[in-house]
All heavy atoms as atom14 arrays in JSON, in Angstrom:
{
  "sequence": "VMAARLGRDAGWALDGADDPAELWRAEARCWSRVERDGEALLRGSEFG",
  "atom14_mask": [
    [1, 1, 1, 1, 1, 1, 1, 0, 0, 0, 0, 0, 0, 0],
    [1, 1, 1, 1, 1, 1, 1, 1, 0, 0, 0, 0, 0, 0],
    [1, 1, 1, 1, 1, 0, 0, 0, 0, 0, 0, 0, 0, 0],
    [1, 1, 1, 1, 1, 0, 0, 0, 0, 0, 0, 0, 0, 0],
    [1, 1, 1, 1, 1, 1, 1, 1, 1, 1, 1, 0, 0, 0],
    [1, 1, 1, 1, 1, 1, 1, 1, 0, 0, 0, 0, 0, 0],
    [1, 1, 1, 1, 0, 0, 0, 0, 0, 0, 0, 0, 0, 0],
    [1, 1, 1, 1, 1, 1, 1, 1, 1, 1, 1, 0, 0, 0],
    [1, 1, 1, 1, 1, 1, 1, 1, 0, 0, 0, 0, 0, 0],
    [1, 1, 1, 1, 1, 0, 0, 0, 0, 0, 0, 0, 0, 0],
    [1, 1, 1, 1, 0, 0, 0, 0, 0, 0, 0, 0, 0, 0],
    [1, 1, 1, 1, 1, 1, 1, 1, 1, 1, 1, 1, 1, 1],
    [1, 1, 1, 1, 1, 0, 0, 0, 0, 0, 0, 0, 0, 0],
    [1, 1, 1, 1, 1, 1, 1, 1, 0, 0, 0, 0, 0, 0],
    [1, 1, 1, 1, 1, 1, 1, 1, 0, 0, 0, 0, 0, 0],
    [1, 1, 1, 1, 0, 0, 0, 0, 0, 0, 0, 0, 0, 0],
    [1, 1, 1, 1, 1, 0, 0, 0, 0, 0, 0, 0, 0, 0],
    [1, 1, 1, 1, 1, 1, 1, 1, 0, 0, 0, 0, 0, 0],
    [1, 1, 1, 1, 1, 1, 1, 1, 0, 0, 0, 0, 0, 0],
    [1, 1, 1, 1, 1, 1, 1, 0, 0, 0, 0, 0, 0, 0],
    [1, 1, 1, 1, 1, 0, 0, 0, 0, 0, 0, 0, 0, 0],
    [1, 1, 1, 1, 1, 1, 1, 1, 1, 0, 0, 0, 0, 0],
    [1, 1, 1, 1, 1, 1, 1, 1, 0, 0, 0, 0, 0, 0],
    [1, 1, 1, 1, 1, 1, 1, 1, 1, 1, 1, 1, 1, 1],
    [1, 1, 1, 1, 1, 1, 1, 1, 1, 1, 1, 0, 0, 0],
    [1, 1, 1, 1, 1, 0, 0, 0, 0, 0, 0, 0, 0, 0],
    [1, 1, 1, 1, 1, 1, 1, 1, 1, 0, 0, 0, 0, 0],
    [1, 1, 1, 1, 1, 0, 0, 0, 0, 0, 0, 0, 0, 0],
    [1, 1, 1, 1, 1, 1, 1, 1, 1, 1, 1, 0, 0, 0],
    [1, 1, 1, 1, 1, 1, 0, 0, 0, 0, 0, 0, 0, 0],
    [1, 1, 1, 1, 1, 1, 1, 1, 1, 1, 1, 1, 1, 1],
    [1, 1, 1, 1, 1, 1, 0, 0, 0, 0, 0, 0, 0, 0],
    [1, 1, 1, 1, 1, 1, 1, 1, 1, 1, 1, 0, 0, 0],
    [1, 1, 1, 1, 1, 1, 1, 0, 0, 0, 0, 0, 0, 0],
    [1, 1, 1, 1, 1, 1, 1, 1, 1, 0, 0, 0, 0, 0],
    [1, 1, 1, 1, 1, 1, 1, 1, 1, 1, 1, 0, 0, 0],
    [1, 1, 1, 1, 1, 1, 1, 1, 0, 0, 0, 0, 0, 0],
    [1, 1, 1, 1, 0, 0, 0, 0, 0, 0, 0, 0, 0, 0],
    [1, 1, 1, 1, 1, 1, 1, 1, 1, 0, 0, 0, 0, 0],
    [1, 1, 1, 1, 1, 0, 0, 0, 0, 0, 0, 0, 0, 0],
    [1, 1, 1, 1, 1, 1, 1, 1, 0, 0, 0, 0, 0, 0],
    [1, 1, 1, 1, 1, 1, 1, 1, 0, 0, 0, 0, 0, 0],
    [1, 1, 1, 1, 1, 1, 1, 1, 1, 1, 1, 0, 0, 0],
    [1, 1, 1, 1, 0, 0, 0, 0, 0, 0, 0, 0, 0, 0],
    [1, 1, 1, 1, 1, 1, 0, 0, 0, 0, 0, 0, 0, 0],
    [1, 1, 1, 1, 1, 1, 1, 1, 1, 0, 0, 0, 0, 0],
    [1, 1, 1, 1, 1, 1, 1, 1, 1, 1, 1, 0, 0, 0],
    [1, 1, 1, 1, 0, 0, 0, 0, 0, 0, 0, 0, 0, 0]
  ],
  "atom14_positions": [
    [[0.08, 16.83, -15.57], [-1.08, 17.72, -15.67], [-2.3, 17.05, -15.06], [-3.08, 17.67, -14.32], [-1.33, 18.14, -17.14], [-2.65, 18.86, -17.28], [-0.19, 18.99, -17.65], [0.0, 0.0, 0.0], [0.0, 0.0, 0.0], [0.0, 0.0, 0.0], [0.0, 0.0, 0.0], [0.0, 0.0, 0.0], [0.0, 0.0, 0.0], [0.0, 0.0, 0.0]],
    [[-2.47, 15.76, -15.34], [-3.59, 15.03, -14.75], [-3.49, 15.05, -13.23], [-4.48, 15.31, -12.54], [-3.64, 13.59, -15.23], [-4.73, 12.78, -14.54], [-4.68, 11.04, -14.95], [-5.58, 11.12, -16.49], [0.0, 0.0, 0.0], [0.0, 0.0, 0.0], [0.0, 0.0, 0.0], [0.0, 0.0, 0.0], [0.0, 0.0, 0.0], [0.0, 0.0, 0.0]],
    [[-2.32, 14.77, -12.7], [-2.13, 14.75, -11.24], [-2.49, 16.11, -10.64], [-3.15, 16.17, -9.6], [-0.7, 14.37, -10.91], [0.0, 0.0, 0.0], [0.0, 0.0, 0.0], [0.0, 0.0, 0.0], [0.0, 0.0, 0.0], [0.0, 0.0, 0.0], [0.0, 0.0, 0.0], [0.0, 0.0, 0.0], [0.0, 0.0, 0.0], [0.0, 0.0, 0.0]],
    [[-2.08, 17.17, -11.29], [-2.37, 18.52, -10.78], [-3.87, 18.82, -10.83], [-4.4, 19.49, -9.95], [-1.6, 19.56, -11.58], [0.0, 0.0, 0.0], [0.0, 0.0, 0.0], [0.0, 0.0, 0.0], [0.0, 0.0, 0.0], [0.0, 0.0, 0.0], [0.0, 0.0, 0.0], [0.0, 0.0, 0.0], [0.0, 0.0, 0.0], [0.0, 0.0, 0.0]],
    [[-4.54, 18.31, -11.83], [-5.97, 18.58, -11.98], [-6.85, 17.71, -11.08], [-8.03, 18.01, -10.91], [-6.38, 18.38, -13.43], [-5.84, 19.44, -14.35], [-6.28, 19.2, -15.76], [-5.77, 20.21, -16.67], [-6.01, 20.22, -17.97], [-6.75, 19.27, -18.52], [-5.51, 21.17, -18.72], [0.0, 0.0, 0.0], [0.0, 0.0, 0.0], [0.0, 0.0, 0.0]],
    [[-6.3, 16.65, -10.55], [-7.1, 15.76, -9.71], [-7.49, 16.4, -8.38], [-8.51, 16.06, -7.8], [-6.35, 14.45, -9.44], [-6.39, 13.46, -10.57], [-5.44, 12.3, -10.29], [-7.79, 12.95, -10.81], [0.0, 0.0, 0.0], [0.0, 0.0, 0.0], [0.0, 0.0, 0.0], [0.0, 0.0, 0.0], [0.0, 0.0, 0.0], [0.0, 0.0, 0.0]],
    [[-6.67, 17.31, -7.92], [-6.97, 17.94, -6.65], [-6.46, 17.12, -5.48], [-5.94, 16.03, -5.63], [0.0, 0.0, 0.0], [0.0, 0.0, 0.0], [0.0, 0.0, 0.0], [0.0, 0.0, 0.0], [0.0, 0.0, 0.0], [0.0, 0.0, 0.0], [0.0, 0.0, 0.0], [0.0, 0.0, 0.0], [0.0, 0.0, 0.0], [0.0, 0.0, 0.0]],
    [[-6.66, 17.65, -4.3], [-6.09, 17.06, -3.09], [-6.68, 15.7, -2.75], [-5.98, 14.81, -2.29], [-6.34, 18.02, -1.93], [-5.57, 17.7, -0.69], [-5.95, 18.68, 0.38], [-7.35, 18.42, 0.72], [-7.8, 18.3, 1.95], [-7.01, 18.49, 2.94], [-9.06, 18.04, 2.19], [0.0, 0.0, 0.0], [0.0, 0.0, 0.0], [0.0, 0.0, 0.0]],
    [[-7.95, 15.5, -2.98], [-8.6, 14.26, -2.57], [-8.17, 13.04, -3.39], [-8.21, 11.93, -2.89], [-10.13, 14.39, -2.64], [-10.66, 15.32, -1.57], [-9.96, 15.51, -0.55], [-11.77, 15.85, -1.75], [0.0, 0.0, 0.0], [0.0, 0.0, 0.0], [0.0, 0.0, 0.0], [0.0, 0.0, 0.0], [0.0, 0.0, 0.0], [0.0, 0.0, 0.0]],
    [[-7.76, 13.24, -4.61], [-7.35, 12.11, -5.45], [-5.93, 12.25, -5.98], [-5.32, 11.26, -6.36], [-8.32, 11.96, -6.62], [0.0, 0.0, 0.0], [0.0, 0.0, 0.0], [0.0, 0.0, 0.0], [0.0, 0.0, 0.0], [0.0, 0.0, 0.0], [0.0, 0.0, 0.0], [0.0, 0.0, 0.0], [0.0, 0.0, 0.0], [0.0, 0.0, 0.0]],
    [[-5.39, 13.45, -6.01], [-4.07, 13.68, -6.59], [-2.94, 12.97, -5.87], [-1.92, 12.65, -6.47], [0.0, 0.0, 0.0], [0.0, 0.0, 0.0], [0.0, 0.0, 0.0], [0.0, 0.0, 0.0], [0.0, 0.0, 0.0], [0.0, 0.0, 0.0], [0.0, 0.0, 0.0], [0.0, 0.0, 0.0], [0.0, 0.0, 0.0], [0.0, 0.0, 0.0]],
    [[-3.12, 12.67, -4.57], [-2.08, 11.98, -3.81], [-1.71, 10.65, -4.46], [-0.58, 10.19, -4.34], [-2.51, 11.75, -2.36], [-3.72, 10.87, -2.23], [-5.01, 11.27, -2.15], [-3.73, 9.44, -2.2], [-5.85, 10.18, -2.07], [-5.07, 9.04, -2.09], [-2.75, 8.46, -2.26], [-5.46, 7.71, -2.04], [-3.14, 7.13, -2.2], [-4.48, 6.76, -2.09]],
    [[-2.67, 10.03, -5.15], [-2.41, 8.72, -5.74], [-1.33, 8.78, -6.81], [-0.68, 7.77, -7.08], [-3.71, 8.16, -6.33], [0.0, 0.0, 0.0], [0.0, 0.0, 0.0], [0.0, 0.0, 0.0], [0.0, 0.0, 0.0], [0.0, 0.0, 0.0], [0.0, 0.0, 0.0], [0.0, 0.0, 0.0], [0.0, 0.0, 0.0], [0.0, 0.0, 0.0]],
    [[-1.13, 9.93, -7.41], [-0.13, 10.06, -8.48], [1.11, 10.84, -8.04], [1.95, 11.17, -8.88], [-0.75, 10.73, -9.71], [-1.84, 9.94, -10.41], [-2.43, 10.73, -11.57], [-1.33, 8.6, -10.89], [0.0, 0.0, 0.0], [0.0, 0.0, 0.0], [0.0, 0.0, 0.0], [0.0, 0.0, 0.0], [0.0, 0.0, 0.0], [0.0, 0.0, 0.0]],
    [[1.25, 11.1, -6.75], [2.44, 11.8, -6.26], [3.7, 11.06, -6.68], [3.81, 9.85, -6.5], [2.41, 11.92, -4.73], [1.48, 13.0, -4.25], [1.05, 13.82, -5.07], [1.19, 13.02, -3.03], [0.0, 0.0, 0.0], [0.0, 0.0, 0.0], [0.0, 0.0, 0.0], [0.0, 0.0, 0.0], [0.0, 0.0, 0.0], [0.0, 0.0, 0.0]],
    [[4.62, 11.78, -7.25], [5.9, 11.2, -7.66], [5.87, 10.45, -8.97], [6.89, 9.93, -9.41], [0.0, 0.0, 0.0], [0.0, 0.0, 0.0], [0.0, 0.0, 0.0], [0.0, 0.0, 0.0], [0.0, 0.0, 0.0], [0.0, 0.0, 0.0], [0.0, 0.0, 0.0], [0.0, 0.0, 0.0], [0.0, 0.0, 0.0], [0.0, 0.0, 0.0]],
    [[4.73, 10.35, -9.61], [4.62, 9.63, -10.87], [4.57, 10.64, -12.02], [3.51, 10.93, -12.56], [3.38, 8.74, -10.89], [0.0, 0.0, 0.0], [0.0, 0.0, 0.0], [0.0, 0.0, 0.0], [0.0, 0.0, 0.0], [0.0, 0.0, 0.0], [0.0, 0.0, 0.0], [0.0, 0.0, 0.0], [0.0, 0.0, 0.0], [0.0, 0.0, 0.0]],
    [[5.71, 11.19, -12.36], [5.78, 12.15, -13.46], [5.93, 11.46, -14.81], [5.74, 12.07, -15.85], [6.93, 13.13, -13.24], [6.72, 13.99, -12.01], [5.55, 14.24, -11.66], [7.71, 14.39, -11.39], [0.0, 0.0, 0.0], [0.0, 0.0, 0.0], [0.0, 0.0, 0.0], [0.0, 0.0, 0.0], [0.0, 0.0, 0.0], [0.0, 0.0, 0.0]],
    [[6.29, 10.2, -14.77], [6.52, 9.41, -15.98], [5.61, 8.18, -15.92], [5.47, 7.57, -14.87], [8.0, 8.99, -16.0], [8.38, 8.25, -17.26], [7.74, 7.22, -17.54], [9.31, 8.68, -17.95], [0.0, 0.0, 0.0], [0.0, 0.0, 0.0], [0.0, 0.0, 0.0], [0.0, 0.0, 0.0], [0.0, 0.0, 0.0], [0.0, 0.0, 0.0]],
    [[4.99, 7.8, -17.02], [4.11, 6.62, -17.0], [4.81, 5.35, -16.49], [4.16, 4.47, -15.94], [3.67, 6.47, -18.46], [3.74, 7.85, -19.0], [4.92, 8.49, -18.32], [0.0, 0.0, 0.0], [0.0, 0.0, 0.0], [0.0, 0.0, 0.0], [0.0, 0.0, 0.0], [0.0, 0.0, 0.0], [0.0, 0.0, 0.0], [0.0, 0.0, 0.0]],
    [[6.13, 5.28, -16.63], [6.85, 4.11, -16.13], [6.82, 4.02, -14.6], [7.1, 2.97, -14.04], [8.3, 4.15, -16.62], [0.0, 0.0, 0.0], [0.0, 0.0, 0.0], [0.0, 0.0, 0.0], [0.0, 0.0, 0.0], [0.0, 0.0, 0.0], [0.0, 0.0, 0.0], [0.0, 0.0, 0.0], [0.0, 0.0, 0.0], [0.0, 0.0, 0.0]],
    [[6.45, 5.1, -13.94], [6.38, 5.13, -12.49], [4.97, 4.83, -11.96], [4.76, 4.82, -10.74], [6.83, 6.5, -11.96], [8.28, 6.81, -12.25], [9.21, 5.84, -11.54], [9.01, 5.57, -10.35], [10.13, 5.33, -12.2], [0.0, 0.0, 0.0], [0.0, 0.0, 0.0], [0.0, 0.0, 0.0], [0.0, 0.0, 0.0], [0.0, 0.0, 0.0]],
    [[4.04, 4.57, -12.85], [2.66, 4.34, -12.4], [2.54, 3.1, -11.52], [1.71, 3.06, -10.62], [1.72, 4.23, -13.6], [1.37, 5.56, -14.26], [0.6, 5.34, -15.55], [0.57, 6.43, -13.3], [0.0, 0.0, 0.0], [0.0, 0.0, 0.0], [0.0, 0.0, 0.0], [0.0, 0.0, 0.0], [0.0, 0.0, 0.0], [0.0, 0.0, 0.0]],
    [[3.35, 2.09, -11.75], [3.25, 0.89, -10.92], [3.62, 1.2, -9.47], [3.04, 0.65, -8.54], [4.1, -0.25, -11.49], [5.58, -0.07, -11.34], [6.43, 0.57, -12.2], [6.38, -0.54, -10.26], [7.71, 0.53, -11.71], [7.72, -0.16, -10.53], [6.12, -1.25, -9.09], [8.77, -0.45, -9.66], [7.17, -1.55, -8.25], [8.48, -1.16, -8.54]],
    [[4.59, 2.1, -9.28], [4.94, 2.49, -7.9], [3.82, 3.31, -7.27], [3.52, 3.15, -6.08], [6.24, 3.29, -7.9], [7.44, 2.44, -8.13], [8.72, 3.19, -7.8], [9.83, 2.29, -7.92], [10.81, 2.41, -8.79], [10.83, 3.43, -9.62], [11.78, 1.53, -8.84], [0.0, 0.0, 0.0], [0.0, 0.0, 0.0], [0.0, 0.0, 0.0]],
    [[3.21, 4.17, -8.05], [2.08, 4.95, -7.54], [0.93, 4.01, -7.15], [0.29, 4.22, -6.12], [1.62, 5.96, -8.58], [0.0, 0.0, 0.0], [0.0, 0.0, 0.0], [0.0, 0.0, 0.0], [0.0, 0.0, 0.0], [0.0, 0.0, 0.0], [0.0, 0.0, 0.0], [0.0, 0.0, 0.0], [0.0, 0.0, 0.0], [0.0, 0.0, 0.0]],
    [[0.7, 2.99, -7.94], [-0.36, 2.03, -7.62], [-0.04, 1.28, -6.32], [-0.91, 1.08, -5.48], [-0.56, 1.04, -8.76], [-1.67, 0.05, -8.47], [-1.9, -0.94, -9.59], [-1.16, -0.94, -10.59], [-2.84, -1.74, -9.45], [0.0, 0.0, 0.0], [0.0, 0.0, 0.0], [0.0, 0.0, 0.0], [0.0, 0.0, 0.0], [0.0, 0.0, 0.0]],
    [[1.22, 0.89, -6.16], [1.61, 0.19, -4.94], [1.42, 1.09, -3.72], [0.92, 0.64, -2.67], [3.06, -0.28, -5.04], [0.0, 0.0, 0.0], [0.0, 0.0, 0.0], [0.0, 0.0, 0.0], [0.0, 0.0, 0.0], [0.0, 0.0, 0.0], [0.0, 0.0, 0.0], [0.0, 0.0, 0.0], [0.0, 0.0, 0.0], [0.0, 0.0, 0.0]],
    [[1.8, 2.37, -3.84], [1.58, 3.31, -2.72], [0.1, 3.49, -2.43], [-0.32, 3.58, -1.28], [2.22, 4.66, -3.04], [3.71, 4.71, -2.85], [4.24, 6.14, -2.92], [3.79, 6.89, -4.08], [4.4, 6.9, -5.26], [5.5, 6.2, -5.44], [3.94, 7.62, -6.25], [0.0, 0.0, 0.0], [0.0, 0.0, 0.0], [0.0, 0.0, 0.0]],
    [[-0.69, 3.53, -3.47], [-2.13, 3.69, -3.31], [-2.72, 2.5, -2.56], [-3.51, 2.67, -1.63], [-2.78, 3.85, -4.69], [-4.55, 4.17, -4.63], [0.0, 0.0, 0.0], [0.0, 0.0, 0.0], [0.0, 0.0, 0.0], [0.0, 0.0, 0.0], [0.0, 0.0, 0.0], [0.0, 0.0, 0.0], [0.0, 0.0, 0.0], [0.0, 0.0, 0.0]],
    [[-2.33, 1.3, -2.94], [-2.83, 0.11, -2.25], [-2.37, 0.06, -0.8], [-3.12, -0.37, 0.08], [-2.44, -1.16, -2.99], [-3.39, -1.46, -4.09], [-3.18, -1.3, -5.43], [-4.73, -1.93, -3.96], [-4.31, -1.65, -6.13], [-5.27, -2.04, -5.25], [-5.52, -2.26, -2.86], [-6.57, -2.48, -5.47], [-6.81, -2.7, -3.09], [-7.33, -2.81, -4.39]],
    [[-1.15, 0.53, -0.54], [-0.68, 0.59, 0.85], [-1.55, 1.53, 1.67], [-1.91, 1.24, 2.82], [0.78, 1.07, 0.9], [1.63, 0.12, 0.36], [0.0, 0.0, 0.0], [0.0, 0.0, 0.0], [0.0, 0.0, 0.0], [0.0, 0.0, 0.0], [0.0, 0.0, 0.0], [0.0, 0.0, 0.0], [0.0, 0.0, 0.0], [0.0, 0.0, 0.0]],
    [[-1.9, 2.65, 1.08], [-2.75, 3.6, 1.81], [-4.16, 3.05, 2.0], [-4.76, 3.22, 3.07], [-2.8, 4.93, 1.06], [-3.64, 5.95, 1.8], [-3.52, 7.32, 1.22], [-4.49, 8.2, 1.83], [-4.56, 9.49, 1.56], [-3.71, 10.05, 0.72], [-5.48, 10.24, 2.12], [0.0, 0.0, 0.0], [0.0, 0.0, 0.0], [0.0, 0.0, 0.0]],
    [[-4.7, 2.38, 0.98], [-6.03, 1.79, 1.12], [-6.03, 0.79, 2.27], [-6.94, 0.79, 3.11], [-6.46, 1.12, -0.21], [-7.66, 0.19, 0.0], [-6.78, 2.16, -1.26], [0.0, 0.0, 0.0], [0.0, 0.0, 0.0], [0.0, 0.0, 0.0], [0.0, 0.0, 0.0], [0.0, 0.0, 0.0], [0.0, 0.0, 0.0], [0.0, 0.0, 0.0]],
    [[-4.99, -0.04, 2.33], [-4.93, -1.02, 3.41], [-4.77, -0.35, 4.78], [-5.44, -0.72, 5.74], [-3.78, -2.0, 3.16], [-3.74, -3.11, 4.18], [-2.75, -4.2, 3.82], [-1.74, -3.9, 3.15], [-3.0, -5.34, 4.22], [0.0, 0.0, 0.0], [0.0, 0.0, 0.0], [0.0, 0.0, 0.0], [0.0, 0.0, 0.0], [0.0, 0.0, 0.0]],
    [[-3.89, 0.63, 4.86], [-3.67, 1.35, 6.12], [-4.96, 2.04, 6.59], [-5.34, 1.95, 7.76], [-2.54, 2.35, 5.92], [-2.02, 2.99, 7.17], [-0.78, 3.85, 6.91], [-0.97, 4.85, 5.88], [-0.38, 4.84, 4.67], [0.44, 3.88, 4.33], [-0.6, 5.8, 3.8], [0.0, 0.0, 0.0], [0.0, 0.0, 0.0], [0.0, 0.0, 0.0]],
    [[-5.64, 2.71, 5.67], [-6.89, 3.38, 6.02], [-7.96, 2.35, 6.41], [-8.76, 2.59, 7.33], [-7.39, 4.24, 4.87], [-6.53, 5.47, 4.64], [-5.62, 5.74, 5.45], [-6.75, 6.16, 3.61], [0.0, 0.0, 0.0], [0.0, 0.0, 0.0], [0.0, 0.0, 0.0], [0.0, 0.0, 0.0], [0.0, 0.0, 0.0], [0.0, 0.0, 0.0]],
    [[-7.99, 1.22, 5.71], [-8.94, 0.16, 6.04], [-8.7, -0.39, 7.43], [-9.66, -0.62, 8.19], [0.0, 0.0, 0.0], [0.0, 0.0, 0.0], [0.0, 0.0, 0.0], [0.0, 0.0, 0.0], [0.0, 0.0, 0.0], [0.0, 0.0, 0.0], [0.0, 0.0, 0.0], [0.0, 0.0, 0.0], [0.0, 0.0, 0.0], [0.0, 0.0, 0.0]],
    [[-7.44, -0.59, 7.77], [-7.12, -1.08, 9.12], [-7.55, -0.07, 10.18], [-8.04, -0.47, 11.25], [-5.63, -1.38, 9.22], [-5.23, -2.61, 8.43], [-3.73, -2.8, 8.3], [-2.96, -1.86, 8.64], [-3.31, -3.87, 7.84], [0.0, 0.0, 0.0], [0.0, 0.0, 0.0], [0.0, 0.0, 0.0], [0.0, 0.0, 0.0], [0.0, 0.0, 0.0]],
    [[-7.37, 1.2, 9.89], [-7.8, 2.23, 10.84], [-9.32, 2.19, 11.02], [-9.82, 2.33, 12.15], [-7.35, 3.61, 10.37], [0.0, 0.0, 0.0], [0.0, 0.0, 0.0], [0.0, 0.0, 0.0], [0.0, 0.0, 0.0], [0.0, 0.0, 0.0], [0.0, 0.0, 0.0], [0.0, 0.0, 0.0], [0.0, 0.0, 0.0], [0.0, 0.0, 0.0]],
    [[-10.05, 2.01, 9.94], [-11.5, 1.91, 10.04], [-11.93, 0.67, 10.82], [-12.91, 0.69, 11.57], [-12.14, 1.9, 8.65], [-12.14, 3.22, 7.91], [-12.53, 3.01, 6.45], [-13.06, 4.22, 8.58], [0.0, 0.0, 0.0], [0.0, 0.0, 0.0], [0.0, 0.0, 0.0], [0.0, 0.0, 0.0], [0.0, 0.0, 0.0], [0.0, 0.0, 0.0]],
    [[-11.19, -0.41, 10.67], [-11.51, -1.63, 11.4], [-11.33, -1.47, 12.91], [-12.01, -2.13, 13.69], [-10.62, -2.79, 10.92], [-11.07, -3.5, 9.65], [-10.01, -4.48, 9.2], [-12.39, -4.2, 9.88], [0.0, 0.0, 0.0], [0.0, 0.0, 0.0], [0.0, 0.0, 0.0], [0.0, 0.0, 0.0], [0.0, 0.0, 0.0], [0.0, 0.0, 0.0]],
    [[-10.42, -0.62, 13.31], [-10.18, -0.4, 14.74], [-11.26, 0.46, 15.4], [-11.33, 0.54, 16.62], [-8.81, 0.25, 14.95], [-7.66, -0.73, 14.74], [-6.36, -0.13, 15.2], [-5.9, 0.98, 14.4], [-5.16, 0.87, 13.3], [-4.81, -0.32, 12.86], [-4.77, 1.94, 12.65], [0.0, 0.0, 0.0], [0.0, 0.0, 0.0], [0.0, 0.0, 0.0]],
    [[-12.09, 1.07, 14.58], [-13.16, 1.9, 15.13], [-14.21, 1.05, 15.84], [-14.42, -0.11, 15.52], [0.0, 0.0, 0.0], [0.0, 0.0, 0.0], [0.0, 0.0, 0.0], [0.0, 0.0, 0.0], [0.0, 0.0, 0.0], [0.0, 0.0, 0.0], [0.0, 0.0, 0.0], [0.0, 0.0, 0.0], [0.0, 0.0, 0.0], [0.0, 0.0, 0.0]],
    [[-14.86, 1.64, 16.8], [-15.86, 0.89, 17.57], [-17.27, 1.44, 17.39], [-18.2, 0.96, 18.04], [-15.48, 0.91, 19.05], [-15.44, 2.24, 19.52], [0.0, 0.0, 0.0], [0.0, 0.0, 0.0], [0.0, 0.0, 0.0], [0.0, 0.0, 0.0], [0.0, 0.0, 0.0], [0.0, 0.0, 0.0], [0.0, 0.0, 0.0], [0.0, 0.0, 0.0]],
    [[-17.43, 2.43, 16.54], [-18.75, 3.03, 16.36], [-19.62, 2.16, 15.45], [-19.13, 1.34, 14.69], [-18.62, 4.43, 15.77], [-18.25, 4.48, 14.3], [-16.79, 4.22, 13.97], [-15.94, 4.26, 14.88], [-16.5, 3.96, 12.8], [0.0, 0.0, 0.0], [0.0, 0.0, 0.0], [0.0, 0.0, 0.0], [0.0, 0.0, 0.0], [0.0, 0.0, 0.0]],
    [[-20.91, 2.35, 15.6], [-21.83, 1.71, 14.68], [-21.85, 2.53, 13.4], [-21.81, 3.74, 13.43], [-23.24, 1.63, 15.28], [-23.34, 0.63, 16.39], [-23.43, 1.04, 17.7], [-23.34, -0.73, 16.11], [-23.52, 0.13, 18.73], [-23.42, -1.65, 17.13], [-23.52, -1.23, 18.44], [0.0, 0.0, 0.0], [0.0, 0.0, 0.0], [0.0, 0.0, 0.0]],
    [[-21.9, 1.88, 12.29], [-21.94, 2.57, 11.01], [-21.19, 1.77, 9.96], [-20.8, 0.62, 10.17], [0.0, 0.0, 0.0], [0.0, 0.0, 0.0], [0.0, 0.0, 0.0], [0.0, 0.0, 0.0], [0.0, 0.0, 0.0], [0.0, 0.0, 0.0], [0.0, 0.0, 0.0], [0.0, 0.0, 0.0], [0.0, 0.0, 0.0], [0.0, 0.0, 0.0]]
  ]
}
């Protein structure tokens, strides 16, 4: 229910975590995405 209520912008972090025992996998996926997105931002050449 929490995952459904989070909406698209944050709900992806809990995809596949229907049981609290799966939260560690959701956290690992979240950190992978944070790193991937961070690397993409680092490749940018714009000021900001």
